[in-house]
């Protein structure tokens, strides 16, 4: 009977030892699966509502304040001084006092007219192809032989050329009975087609509105080269041209 009890006790002790060894191996085995844990109930967190962003209020930039300093006043610019261009020199052509040398504009002059003078066209011995024009004051007051006469022949419309070199230093003033003289050149340089012709009358314009027509000496021949001098106090001075 004692033998049987020891036999049974040995298996119980062996079993306890085995279980203890198994428990130790299980706790030290790193590959052992962890013991299941009881799942905690799922917690659901309600999403916190987000507040919509407030739109930014646009900022209005105030305009720059008006300048307090008054703008400088620009002094008025004086207009340029007007200069009067000098009148062109009268060349003794067809301008001035009816083209009579440009002296008829002088208010101090009293031009001789057909009412107070007598005009004569006469032959001269020298120089050839010249006539002498003589204007004599037949009035009772002085008058001025202004510039040069405007001369034409017969029915011609344009006056002949005026010899500018003959312009005197001063206008010739004629007291009653005095005379002035002008040289009448009948022809130009010989040769060429000068449209020469024999004329019967000489037209003498003393002013723009005063013309005298006088007879031409017999056989007076003129061409396109005809010209006349300014009035001179002496006949010799006139015949130099």
Protein backbone atom coordinates (compact mmCIF):
# COMPACT_ATOMS: atom_id res chain seq x y z
CA UNK A 1 0.00 0.00 0.00
CA UNK A 2 2.82 2.49 0.71
CA UNK A 3 4.29 1.71 -2.59
CA UNK A 4 1.09 2.79 -4.42
CA UNK A 5 0.87 6.20 -2.68
CA UNK A 6 4.40 7.20 -3.73
CA UNK A 7 3.71 6.07 -7.19
CA UNK A 8 0.73 8.42 -7.49
CA UNK A 9 2.52 11.28 -5.79
CA UNK A 10 5.31 11.21 -8.29
CA UNK A 11 3.11 11.87 -11.34
CA UNK A 12 1.41 14.79 -9.59
CA UNK A 13 4.70 16.38 -8.76
CA UNK A 14 5.95 15.87 -12.29
CA UNK A 15 2.85 17.43 -13.71
CA UNK A 16 3.20 20.50 -11.51
CA UNK A 17 6.80 20.87 -12.52
CA UNK A 18 5.89 20.61 -16.18
CA UNK A 19 3.23 23.21 -15.89
CA UNK A 20 5.59 25.52 -14.06
CA UNK A 21 8.23 25.09 -16.78
CA UNK A 22 5.69 25.76 -19.51
CA UNK A 23 4.55 28.92 -17.78
CA UNK A 24 8.09 30.22 -17.54
CA UNK A 25 8.79 29.49 -21.20
CA UNK A 26 5.61 31.23 -22.22
CA UNK A 27 6.45 34.41 -20.33
CA UNK A 28 9.99 34.54 -21.66
CA UNK A 29 9.22 33.67 -25.28
CA UNK A 30 9.35 36.84 -27.30
CA UNK A 31 7.50 35.30 -30.17
CA UNK A 32 4.56 34.41 -28.01
CA UNK A 33 1.40 36.20 -28.98
CA UNK A 34 0.25 38.74 -26.42
CA UNK A 35 -2.70 37.96 -24.40
CA UNK A 36 -5.82 39.36 -25.86
CA UNK A 37 -7.10 42.44 -24.12
CA UNK A 38 -10.64 43.25 -23.87
CA UNK A 39 -11.48 45.80 -26.52
CA UNK A 40 -12.47 49.10 -25.15
CA UNK A 41 -15.65 50.48 -26.52
CA UNK A 42 -15.03 52.75 -29.62
CA UNK A 43 -15.10 56.28 -28.71
CA UNK A 44 -16.48 58.59 -31.43
CA UNK A 45 -15.57 62.13 -31.06
CA UNK A 46 -18.00 64.48 -32.69
CA UNK A 47 -16.33 66.81 -35.16
CA UNK A 48 -16.15 70.30 -33.88
CA UNK A 49 -17.95 72.59 -36.40
CA UNK A 50 -15.66 75.19 -37.89
CA UNK A 51 -16.80 78.76 -37.99
CA UNK A 52 -16.66 80.14 -41.57
CA UNK A 53 -14.05 82.81 -41.98
CA UNK A 54 -15.40 86.30 -42.02
CA UNK A 55 -14.52 87.92 -45.35
CA UNK A 56 -12.01 90.67 -44.97
CA UNK A 57 -13.52 94.12 -45.17
CA UNK A 58 -11.87 96.00 -48.08
CA UNK A 59 -9.97 98.97 -46.88
CA UNK A 60 -10.50 102.21 -48.75
CA UNK A 61 -7.35 104.24 -49.21
CA UNK A 62 -8.09 107.86 -48.61
CA UNK A 63 -6.98 110.12 -51.46
CA UNK A 64 -3.98 112.22 -50.86
CA UNK A 65 -4.99 115.50 -49.35
CA UNK A 66 -4.90 118.46 -51.64
CA UNK A 67 -1.62 120.36 -51.40
CA UNK A 68 -1.90 123.21 -49.02
CA UNK A 69 0.80 125.19 -50.78
CA UNK A 70 -0.57 127.26 -53.64
CA UNK A 71 1.26 126.64 -56.92
CA UNK A 72 3.78 129.24 -57.80
CA UNK A 73 2.42 131.81 -60.18
CA UNK A 74 4.44 131.98 -63.36
CA UNK A 75 5.06 135.59 -64.24
CA UNK A 76 3.47 136.56 -67.52
CA UNK A 77 5.94 136.50 -70.33
CA UNK A 78 6.11 139.75 -72.14
CA UNK A 79 5.41 139.34 -75.85
CA UNK A 80 8.47 139.88 -77.97
CA UNK A 81 8.93 143.41 -78.99
CA UNK A 82 7.52 143.85 -82.43
CA UNK A 83 10.01 145.21 -84.82
CA UNK A 84 8.95 146.89 -87.96
CA UNK A 85 10.87 145.72 -90.96
CA UNK A 86 12.38 148.60 -92.86
CA UNK A 87 10.55 149.43 -96.02
CA UNK A 88 12.34 148.15 -99.09
CA UNK A 89 14.28 150.77 -100.91
CA UNK A 90 12.38 152.11 -103.85
CA UNK A 91 14.28 151.21 -106.95
CA UNK A 92 12.68 153.90 -108.99
CA UNK A 93 10.67 151.39 -110.94
CA UNK A 94 6.92 151.57 -111.13
CA UNK A 95 6.37 151.94 -107.37
CA UNK A 96 6.35 154.94 -105.08
CA UNK A 97 4.70 158.04 -106.46
CA UNK A 98 3.35 156.31 -109.51
CA UNK A 99 6.81 154.77 -109.88
CA UNK A 100 8.42 158.23 -109.84
CA UNK A 101 11.45 157.40 -107.71
CA UNK A 102 9.56 156.68 -104.49
CA UNK A 103 9.55 160.30 -103.21
CA UNK A 104 5.85 160.96 -103.68
CA UNK A 105 5.00 159.46 -100.26
CA UNK A 106 6.65 162.36 -98.42
CA UNK A 107 3.79 164.54 -97.10
CA UNK A 108 6.07 167.60 -97.15
CA UNK A 109 6.35 167.43 -100.95
CA UNK A 110 4.05 169.12 -103.42
CA UNK A 111 4.42 167.15 -106.65
CA UNK A 112 4.28 169.02 -109.91
CA UNK A 113 1.21 168.04 -111.95
CA UNK A 114 -0.25 168.75 -115.35
CA UNK A 115 -2.15 171.66 -113.78
CA UNK A 116 0.92 173.71 -112.90
CA UNK A 117 3.71 172.66 -115.31
CA UNK A 118 4.51 172.51 -119.00
CA UNK A 119 6.38 169.51 -120.50
CA UNK A 120 8.42 169.56 -123.73
CA UNK A 121 10.29 166.73 -125.53
CA UNK A 122 13.14 168.08 -127.69
CA UNK A 123 16.08 166.82 -129.74
CA UNK A 124 19.66 167.22 -128.57
CA UNK A 125 22.87 167.09 -130.55
CA UNK A 126 24.66 164.96 -128.00
CA UNK A 127 24.50 162.22 -127.02
CA UNK A 128 22.92 160.63 -130.06
CA UNK A 129 19.62 158.78 -129.81
CA UNK A 130 18.52 160.96 -126.90
CA UNK A 131 15.71 163.44 -126.26
CA UNK A 132 15.54 166.00 -123.47
CA UNK A 133 12.41 166.24 -121.37
CA UNK A 134 11.88 169.66 -119.81
CA UNK A 135 9.28 170.34 -117.10
CA UNK A 136 8.65 174.03 -116.24
CA UNK A 137 6.60 175.38 -113.35
CA UNK A 138 3.94 177.62 -114.86
CA UNK A 139 1.97 177.97 -111.65
CA UNK A 140 2.15 180.59 -108.90
CA UNK A 141 3.48 178.27 -106.16
CA UNK A 142 6.54 176.02 -105.85
CA UNK A 143 6.18 172.37 -106.76
CA UNK A 144 8.49 169.35 -106.64
CA UNK A 145 9.70 167.37 -109.64
CA UNK A 146 9.41 164.06 -107.81
CA UNK A 147 11.54 161.07 -108.73
CA UNK A 148 11.55 160.12 -112.39
CA UNK A 149 8.74 160.44 -114.92
CA UNK A 150 6.99 157.35 -116.21
CA UNK A 151 7.32 157.51 -119.97
CA UNK A 152 5.60 155.67 -122.80
CA UNK A 153 5.15 156.16 -126.53
CA UNK A 154 2.01 156.30 -128.66
CA UNK A 155 -0.31 153.46 -127.57
CA UNK A 156 2.21 151.57 -125.41
CA UNK A 157 0.88 150.30 -122.07
CA UNK A 158 4.08 149.62 -120.12
CA UNK A 159 6.48 152.44 -119.16
CA UNK A 160 10.10 152.31 -120.22
CA UNK A 161 12.98 151.54 -117.84
CA UNK A 162 14.23 154.12 -115.31
CA UNK A 163 18.01 154.66 -115.01
CA UNK A 164 18.64 154.14 -111.30
CA UNK A 165 22.18 155.54 -111.40
CA UNK A 166 20.70 158.94 -112.20
CA UNK A 167 18.85 159.36 -108.87
CA UNK A 168 19.76 162.78 -107.41
CA UNK A 169 20.68 163.50 -103.81
CA UNK A 170 17.54 165.55 -103.29
CA UNK A 171 14.21 166.21 -104.95
CA UNK A 172 14.27 169.14 -107.34
CA UNK A 173 11.93 171.91 -106.16
CA UNK A 174 10.73 174.32 -108.82
CA UNK A 175 9.68 177.85 -108.00
CA UNK A 176 7.39 179.52 -110.53
CA UNK A 177 9.25 179.80 -113.85
CA UNK A 178 12.00 177.23 -113.00
CA UNK A 179 12.61 174.02 -114.95
CA UNK A 180 13.90 170.50 -114.34
CA UNK A 181 15.27 168.04 -116.91
CA UNK A 182 15.28 164.32 -117.67
CA UNK A 183 17.22 162.44 -120.31
CA UNK A 184 15.16 160.24 -122.62
CA UNK A 185 17.27 157.40 -124.08
CA UNK A 186 15.62 156.20 -127.29
CA UNK A 187 17.46 152.99 -128.14
CA UNK A 188 19.47 150.33 -126.42
CA UNK A 189 22.55 148.51 -127.57
CA UNK A 190 22.58 147.92 -131.34
CA UNK A 191 22.00 144.45 -132.72
CA UNK A 192 19.37 141.83 -132.14
CA UNK A 193 15.62 142.02 -132.49
CA UNK A 194 14.76 145.13 -130.48
CA UNK A 195 11.32 145.78 -131.96
CA UNK A 196 12.17 149.32 -133.02
CA UNK A 197 9.55 151.73 -134.32
CA UNK A 198 9.04 155.38 -135.14
CA UNK A 199 6.72 157.19 -132.68
CA UNK A 200 4.71 160.38 -132.78
CA UNK A 201 3.88 161.07 -129.15
CA UNK A 202 5.51 160.86 -125.77
CA UNK A 203 3.36 160.16 -122.70
CA UNK A 204 4.79 161.56 -119.46
CA UNK A 205 3.27 160.58 -116.11
CA UNK A 206 4.26 163.16 -113.50
CA UNK A 207 2.27 161.34 -110.79
CA UNK A 208 -0.03 158.32 -110.72
CA UNK A 209 -3.03 160.44 -111.67
CA UNK A 210 -1.40 163.17 -113.73
CA UNK A 211 -0.23 162.43 -117.27
CA UNK A 212 0.87 164.80 -120.01
CA UNK A 213 1.07 163.77 -123.68
CA UNK A 214 3.43 165.79 -125.84
CA UNK A 215 4.47 165.54 -129.51
CA UNK A 216 7.66 163.64 -130.28
CA UNK A 217 10.22 165.32 -132.57
CA UNK A 218 9.87 164.20 -136.17
CA UNK A 219 11.58 160.89 -136.91
CA UNK A 220 11.85 159.81 -133.26
CA UNK A 221 12.82 156.15 -133.31
CA UNK A 222 12.64 153.99 -130.21
CA UNK A 223 13.14 150.33 -129.39
CA UNK A 224 12.94 147.98 -126.41
CA UNK A 225 16.11 149.49 -124.92
CA UNK A 226 14.50 152.91 -124.29
CA UNK A 227 14.98 154.41 -120.79
CA UNK A 228 14.57 157.66 -118.85
CA UNK A 229 16.56 159.37 -116.07
CA UNK A 230 15.41 161.04 -112.87
CA UNK A 231 14.58 164.72 -112.92
CA UNK A 232 17.74 166.84 -112.60
CA UNK A 233 18.19 170.51 -111.88
CA UNK A 234 20.60 170.94 -114.81
CA UNK A 235 20.20 169.70 -118.38
CA UNK A 236 23.88 168.72 -118.55
CA UNK A 237 23.42 166.48 -115.53
CA UNK A 238 20.47 164.74 -117.16
CA UNK A 239 22.28 164.16 -120.47
CA UNK A 240 25.08 162.24 -118.76
CA UNK A 241 22.87 159.16 -118.90
